[in-house]
Amino acid sequence: MKIAISSEGDNLNSNVNSRFGRARYFIVVDTESMNYKAIGKTAASSAGGAGTKAAQLLLDEGVDSIISSNVGPNALEVFQAAGISVYKSINDTIEKNVEEFKKGTLEKIELPTNNGHHGEH
Protein backbone atom coordinates (compact mmCIF):
# COMPACT_ATOMS: atom_id res chain seq x y z
CA MET A 1 0.00 0.00 0.00
CA LYS A 2 1.19 3.51 -0.82
CA ILE A 3 0.59 6.17 1.79
CA ALA A 4 1.52 9.86 1.77
CA ILE A 5 2.43 11.79 4.90
CA SER A 6 2.82 15.56 5.28
CA SER A 7 6.38 16.13 6.46
CA GLU A 8 8.84 18.74 7.74
CA GLY A 9 11.74 17.00 5.95
CA ASP A 10 12.67 14.62 3.19
CA ASN A 11 13.16 11.28 4.98
CA LEU A 12 11.53 8.78 7.36
CA ASN A 13 13.17 10.36 10.41
CA SER A 14 11.53 13.71 9.69
CA ASN A 15 8.65 14.93 11.83
CA VAL A 16 5.12 15.15 10.52
CA ASN A 17 4.12 18.61 9.33
CA SER A 18 0.98 19.79 11.12
CA ARG A 19 -0.46 21.33 7.95
CA PHE A 20 -1.54 19.35 4.91
CA GLY A 21 -1.75 21.87 2.06
CA ARG A 22 1.26 23.87 3.15
CA ALA A 23 3.51 20.97 4.16
CA ARG A 24 7.15 21.43 3.11
CA TYR A 25 7.33 17.85 1.87
CA PHE A 26 5.23 14.77 1.35
CA ILE A 27 6.77 11.39 1.96
CA VAL A 28 5.17 8.63 -0.12
CA VAL A 29 5.87 5.28 1.55
CA ASP A 30 5.32 1.72 0.38
CA THR A 31 4.13 0.19 3.66
CA GLU A 32 5.34 -3.30 2.74
CA SER A 33 8.91 -2.53 1.64
CA MET A 34 9.29 0.80 3.52
CA ASN A 35 10.78 2.27 0.33
CA TYR A 36 9.88 5.93 0.09
CA LYS A 37 9.92 8.96 -2.14
CA ALA A 38 10.17 12.55 -0.91
CA ILE A 39 8.19 15.14 -2.86
CA GLY A 40 9.56 18.61 -2.19
CA LYS A 41 7.78 20.78 -4.73
CA THR A 42 4.51 21.02 -2.89
CA ALA A 43 1.74 23.61 -3.01
CA ALA A 44 3.10 25.29 0.13
CA SER A 45 3.85 28.58 -1.61
CA SER A 46 0.52 28.80 -3.46
CA ALA A 47 -1.46 31.96 -2.91
CA GLY A 48 -4.65 29.91 -2.59
CA GLY A 49 -5.98 26.42 -3.07
CA ALA A 50 -2.90 24.79 -1.55
CA GLY A 51 -4.87 21.88 -0.10
CA THR A 52 -6.59 21.05 -3.37
CA LYS A 53 -3.30 21.33 -5.32
CA ALA A 54 -1.50 19.11 -2.80
CA ALA A 55 -4.35 16.59 -2.94
CA GLN A 56 -4.13 16.42 -6.74
CA LEU A 57 -0.34 15.99 -6.55
CA LEU A 58 -0.82 12.96 -4.29
CA LEU A 59 -3.61 11.51 -6.43
CA ASP A 60 -1.17 11.67 -9.35
CA GLU A 61 1.28 9.64 -7.23
CA GLY A 62 -1.32 6.89 -6.87
CA VAL A 63 -1.49 6.87 -3.08
CA ASP A 64 -4.04 4.73 -1.25
CA SER A 65 -4.16 6.67 2.04
CA ILE A 66 -3.07 9.99 3.56
CA ILE A 67 -1.67 10.76 7.02
CA SER A 68 -1.67 14.35 8.25
CA SER A 69 -2.52 16.38 11.34
CA ASN A 70 -4.91 18.82 9.70
CA VAL A 71 -6.85 18.53 6.46
CA GLY A 72 -9.18 21.26 5.21
CA PRO A 73 -12.56 20.77 3.55
CA ASN A 74 -11.44 21.08 -0.07
CA ALA A 75 -8.59 18.57 0.17
CA LEU A 76 -10.74 16.15 2.17
CA GLU A 77 -13.47 16.37 -0.44
CA VAL A 78 -10.96 15.49 -3.20
CA PHE A 79 -9.74 12.46 -1.26
CA GLN A 80 -13.23 11.26 -0.35
CA ALA A 81 -14.35 11.55 -3.98
CA ALA A 82 -11.33 9.45 -5.01
CA GLY A 83 -11.98 6.83 -2.30
CA ILE A 84 -8.75 7.64 -0.43
CA SER A 85 -8.83 7.37 3.36
CA VAL A 86 -7.27 10.11 5.49
CA TYR A 87 -5.82 9.45 8.94
CA LYS A 88 -4.81 11.77 11.77
CA SER A 89 -1.09 11.67 12.44
CA ILE A 90 0.58 11.43 15.80
CA ASN A 91 3.16 14.04 16.75
CA ASP A 92 6.23 11.97 15.87
CA THR A 93 8.38 10.89 12.92
CA ILE A 94 7.17 9.70 9.54
CA GLU A 95 8.47 6.20 10.34
CA LYS A 96 6.55 6.04 13.64
CA ASN A 97 3.37 7.17 11.89
CA VAL A 98 3.78 4.40 9.30
CA GLU A 99 4.22 1.87 12.13
CA GLU A 100 1.04 3.10 13.84
CA PHE A 101 -0.82 3.06 10.50
CA LYS A 102 0.20 -0.56 9.96
CA LYS A 103 -1.04 -1.44 13.48
CA GLY A 104 -4.37 0.25 12.71
CA THR A 105 -4.13 2.70 15.61
CA LEU A 106 -4.42 6.00 13.70
CA GLU A 107 -7.80 7.75 13.81
CA LYS A 108 -9.60 8.08 10.50
CA ILE A 109 -10.52 11.68 9.57
CA GLU A 110 -14.13 11.88 8.37
CA LEU A 111 -14.66 15.65 8.70
CA PRO A 112 -12.29 18.58 7.98
CA THR A 113 -10.00 19.32 10.90
CA ASN A 114 -9.88 23.02 9.99
CA ASN A 115 -11.82 25.44 7.79
CA GLY A 116 -9.05 25.88 5.24
CA HIS A 117 -6.94 28.99 5.11
CA HIS A 118 -7.88 30.41 1.71
CA GLY A 119 -4.43 31.75 0.88
CA GLU A 120 -3.46 32.89 4.36
CA HIS A 121 0.11 32.23 5.47
C-alpha atoms as a PDB file:
ATOM      1  CA  MET A   1       0.000   0.000   0.000  1.00  0.00           C
ATOM      2  CA  LYS A   2       1.192   3.512  -0.820  1.00  0.00           C
ATOM      3  CA  ILE A   3       0.589   6.174   1.786  1.00  0.00           C
ATOM      4  CA  ALA A   4       1.516   9.861   1.771  1.00  0.00           C
ATOM      5  CA  ILE A   5       2.428  11.787   4.904  1.00  0.00           C
ATOM      6  CA  SER A   6       2.821  15.562   5.277  1.00  0.00           C
ATOM      7  CA  SER A   7       6.381  16.129   6.464  1.00  0.00           C
ATOM      8  CA  GLU A   8       8.845  18.737   7.737  1.00  0.00           C
ATOM      9  CA  GLY A   9      11.740  17.004   5.952  1.00  0.00           C
ATOM     10  CA  ASP A  10      12.669  14.619   3.186  1.00  0.00           C
ATOM     11  CA  ASN A  11      13.158  11.276   4.984  1.00  0.00           C
ATOM     12  CA  LEU A  12      11.529   8.779   7.355  1.00  0.00           C
ATOM     13  CA  ASN A  13      13.167  10.357  10.413  1.00  0.00           C
ATOM     14  CA  SER A  14      11.532  13.713   9.694  1.00  0.00           C
ATOM     15  CA  ASN A  15       8.651  14.928  11.832  1.00  0.00           C
ATOM     16  CA  VAL A  16       5.123  15.147  10.525  1.00  0.00           C
ATOM     17  CA  ASN A  17       4.116  18.614   9.335  1.00  0.00           C
ATOM     18  CA  SER A  18       0.980  19.794  11.123  1.00  0.00           C
ATOM     19  CA  ARG A  19      -0.464  21.328   7.949  1.00  0.00           C
ATOM     20  CA  PHE A  20      -1.536  19.345   4.907  1.00  0.00           C
ATOM     21  CA  GLY A  21      -1.750  21.867   2.063  1.00  0.00           C
ATOM     22  CA  ARG A  22       1.264  23.867   3.151  1.00  0.00           C
ATOM     23  CA  ALA A  23       3.512  20.974   4.160  1.00  0.00           C
ATOM     24  CA  ARG A  24       7.147  21.430   3.112  1.00  0.00           C
ATOM     25  CA  TYR A  25       7.328  17.846   1.868  1.00  0.00           C
ATOM     26  CA  PHE A  26       5.226  14.770   1.347  1.00  0.00           C
ATOM     27  CA  ILE A  27       6.770  11.386   1.958  1.00  0.00           C
ATOM     28  CA  VAL A  28       5.172   8.627  -0.115  1.00  0.00           C
ATOM     29  CA  VAL A  29       5.873   5.283   1.553  1.00  0.00           C
ATOM     30  CA  ASP A  30       5.322   1.719   0.377  1.00  0.00           C
ATOM     31  CA  THR A  31       4.134   0.188   3.661  1.00  0.00           C
ATOM     32  CA  GLU A  32       5.338  -3.303   2.738  1.00  0.00           C
ATOM     33  CA  SER A  33       8.913  -2.531   1.643  1.00  0.00           C
ATOM     34  CA  MET A  34       9.286   0.802   3.515  1.00  0.00           C
ATOM     35  CA  ASN A  35      10.782   2.273   0.329  1.00  0.00           C
ATOM     36  CA  TYR A  36       9.877   5.933   0.095  1.00  0.00           C
ATOM     37  CA  LYS A  37       9.923   8.962  -2.136  1.00  0.00           C
ATOM     38  CA  ALA A  38      10.171  12.554  -0.912  1.00  0.00           C
ATOM     39  CA  ILE A  39       8.189  15.141  -2.859  1.00  0.00           C
ATOM     40  CA  GLY A  40       9.557  18.612  -2.191  1.00  0.00           C
ATOM     41  CA  LYS A  41       7.781  20.777  -4.729  1.00  0.00           C
ATOM     42  CA  THR A  42       4.505  21.018  -2.889  1.00  0.00           C
ATOM     43  CA  ALA A  43       1.745  23.609  -3.013  1.00  0.00           C
ATOM     44  CA  ALA A  44       3.097  25.292   0.130  1.00  0.00           C
ATOM     45  CA  SER A  45       3.851  28.578  -1.614  1.00  0.00           C
ATOM     46  CA  SER A  46       0.523  28.800  -3.463  1.00  0.00           C
ATOM     47  CA  ALA A  47      -1.459  31.959  -2.909  1.00  0.00           C
ATOM     48  CA  GLY A  48      -4.645  29.914  -2.593  1.00  0.00           C
ATOM     49  CA  GLY A  49      -5.976  26.417  -3.073  1.00  0.00           C
ATOM     50  CA  ALA A  50      -2.898  24.787  -1.549  1.00  0.00           C
ATOM     51  CA  GLY A  51      -4.874  21.879  -0.099  1.00  0.00           C
ATOM     52  CA  THR A  52      -6.585  21.046  -3.373  1.00  0.00           C
ATOM     53  CA  LYS A  53      -3.302  21.335  -5.315  1.00  0.00           C
ATOM     54  CA  ALA A  54      -1.501  19.112  -2.804  1.00  0.00           C
ATOM     55  CA  ALA A  55      -4.348  16.588  -2.940  1.00  0.00           C
ATOM     56  CA  GLN A  56      -4.126  16.420  -6.739  1.00  0.00           C
ATOM     57  CA  LEU A  57      -0.341  15.991  -6.545  1.00  0.00           C
ATOM     58  CA  LEU A  58      -0.820  12.958  -4.289  1.00  0.00           C
ATOM     59  CA  LEU A  59      -3.612  11.510  -6.428  1.00  0.00           C
ATOM     60  CA  ASP A  60      -1.175  11.668  -9.349  1.00  0.00           C
ATOM     61  CA  GLU A  61       1.283   9.638  -7.228  1.00  0.00           C
ATOM     62  CA  GLY A  62      -1.321   6.889  -6.872  1.00  0.00           C
ATOM     63  CA  VAL A  63      -1.493   6.873  -3.080  1.00  0.00           C
ATOM     64  CA  ASP A  64      -4.041   4.728  -1.251  1.00  0.00           C
ATOM     65  CA  SER A  65      -4.160   6.670   2.043  1.00  0.00           C
ATOM     66  CA  ILE A  66      -3.066   9.993   3.557  1.00  0.00           C
ATOM     67  CA  ILE A  67      -1.674  10.757   7.020  1.00  0.00           C
ATOM     68  CA  SER A  68      -1.673  14.351   8.247  1.00  0.00           C
ATOM     69  CA  SER A  69      -2.517  16.378  11.341  1.00  0.00           C
ATOM     70  CA  ASN A  70      -4.911  18.815   9.696  1.00  0.00           C
ATOM     71  CA  VAL A  71      -6.846  18.535   6.456  1.00  0.00           C
ATOM     72  CA  GLY A  72      -9.180  21.255   5.215  1.00  0.00           C
ATOM     73  CA  PRO A  73     -12.560  20.769   3.553  1.00  0.00           C
ATOM     74  CA  ASN A  74     -11.444  21.078  -0.072  1.00  0.00           C
ATOM     75  CA  ALA A  75      -8.592  18.566   0.166  1.00  0.00           C
ATOM     76  CA  LEU A  76     -10.737  16.153   2.171  1.00  0.00           C
ATOM     77  CA  GLU A  77     -13.474  16.374  -0.442  1.00  0.00           C
ATOM     78  CA  VAL A  78     -10.961  15.494  -3.195  1.00  0.00           C
ATOM     79  CA  PHE A  79      -9.739  12.461  -1.257  1.00  0.00           C
ATOM     80  CA  GLN A  80     -13.228  11.260  -0.350  1.00  0.00           C
ATOM     81  CA  ALA A  81     -14.352  11.547  -3.981  1.00  0.00           C
ATOM     82  CA  ALA A  82     -11.328   9.446  -5.006  1.00  0.00           C
ATOM     83  CA  GLY A  83     -11.977   6.833  -2.302  1.00  0.00           C
ATOM     84  CA  ILE A  84      -8.752   7.642  -0.430  1.00  0.00           C
ATOM     85  CA  SER A  85      -8.827   7.366   3.360  1.00  0.00           C
ATOM     86  CA  VAL A  86      -7.266  10.109   5.487  1.00  0.00           C
ATOM     87  CA  TYR A  87      -5.816   9.447   8.939  1.00  0.00           C
ATOM     88  CA  LYS A  88      -4.812  11.774  11.771  1.00  0.00           C
ATOM     89  CA  SER A  89      -1.094  11.674  12.435  1.00  0.00           C
ATOM     90  CA  ILE A  90       0.577  11.431  15.798  1.00  0.00           C
ATOM     91  CA  ASN A  91       3.159  14.045  16.754  1.00  0.00           C
ATOM     92  CA  ASP A  92       6.227  11.970  15.869  1.00  0.00           C
ATOM     93  CA  THR A  93       8.383  10.893  12.925  1.00  0.00           C
ATOM     94  CA  ILE A  94       7.174   9.696   9.540  1.00  0.00           C
ATOM     95  CA  GLU A  95       8.470   6.202  10.338  1.00  0.00           C
ATOM     96  CA  LYS A  96       6.554   6.041  13.641  1.00  0.00           C
ATOM     97  CA  ASN A  97       3.371   7.169  11.892  1.00  0.00           C
ATOM     98  CA  VAL A  98       3.782   4.399   9.303  1.00  0.00           C
ATOM     99  CA  GLU A  99       4.223   1.866  12.132  1.00  0.00           C
ATOM    100  CA  GLU A 100       1.044   3.105  13.837  1.00  0.00           C
ATOM    101  CA  PHE A 101      -0.824   3.061  10.503  1.00  0.00           C
ATOM    102  CA  LYS A 102       0.197  -0.557   9.958  1.00  0.00           C
ATOM    103  CA  LYS A 103      -1.036  -1.439  13.480  1.00  0.00           C
ATOM    104  CA  GLY A 104      -4.374   0.249  12.709  1.00  0.00           C
ATOM    105  CA  THR A 105      -4.127   2.701  15.614  1.00  0.00           C
ATOM    106  CA  LEU A 106      -4.422   6.001  13.705  1.00  0.00           C
ATOM    107  CA  GLU A 107      -7.799   7.750  13.812  1.00  0.00           C
ATOM    108  CA  LYS A 108      -9.605   8.085  10.503  1.00  0.00           C
ATOM    109  CA  ILE A 109     -10.516  11.676   9.572  1.00  0.00           C
ATOM    110  CA  GLU A 110     -14.128  11.876   8.373  1.00  0.00           C
ATOM    111  CA  LEU A 111     -14.655  15.647   8.696  1.00  0.00           C
ATOM    112  CA  PRO A 112     -12.292  18.576   7.977  1.00  0.00           C
ATOM    113  CA  THR A 113     -10.001  19.322  10.903  1.00  0.00           C
ATOM    114  CA  ASN A 114      -9.879  23.016   9.985  1.00  0.00           C
ATOM    115  CA  ASN A 115     -11.825  25.437   7.787  1.00  0.00           C
ATOM    116  CA  GLY A 116      -9.053  25.880   5.242  1.00  0.00           C
ATOM    117  CA  HIS A 117      -6.944  28.994   5.111  1.00  0.00           C
ATOM    118  CA  HIS A 118      -7.880  30.410   1.707  1.00  0.00           C
ATOM    119  CA  GLY A 119      -4.435  31.749   0.877  1.00  0.00           C
ATOM    120  CA  GLU A 120      -3.462  32.894   4.359  1.00  0.00           C
ATOM    121  CA  HIS A 121       0.106  32.229   5.471  1.00  0.00           C
END
